[in-house]
């Protein structure tokens, strides 16, 4: 019986060592881009993200605020080979997907559903609607209607 209790105690200690005792929050997403000006202007003008200064004022970066404390960082590089997969993407949630779609159409920015049909919207099994678009350097962006607690 003592061995059983000792075993239970040791198992409990092992579990407590692996338990997460800290909280994460989403901070930022980074894209490497070749044309920093063109891609940065897309995020500022087409998606309407607020540009914020780089904390060290360094050249070769453009940072954007994404509602609240999250950010998008663009890093200008001209010698990094890039492969663009729709599975690797920035995702922005909105309560007004219809407005986003109308804005994209007005600005002649193409978008696709997950399977790849242009100007179509995916309806996920959980009821979330989603579209995918590309920035000027082919980085994928998902826009969806997911609701998350603040």
Foldseek 3Di string as FASTA:
>chain_A
DVVVVVVVVVVVVVVVVPDDPDDDDAAEEEDEDAPCVQLVCCCCPLVNFAWDADPVNDPQWIKTDQPDRHIYIYGHDNPDDDDEDLVDAAEAEDQCVVVSLVSCVVVVFWKADPVGHISDWDQDPVRKIWIWGAGPVRHIYIYIHDDDDD
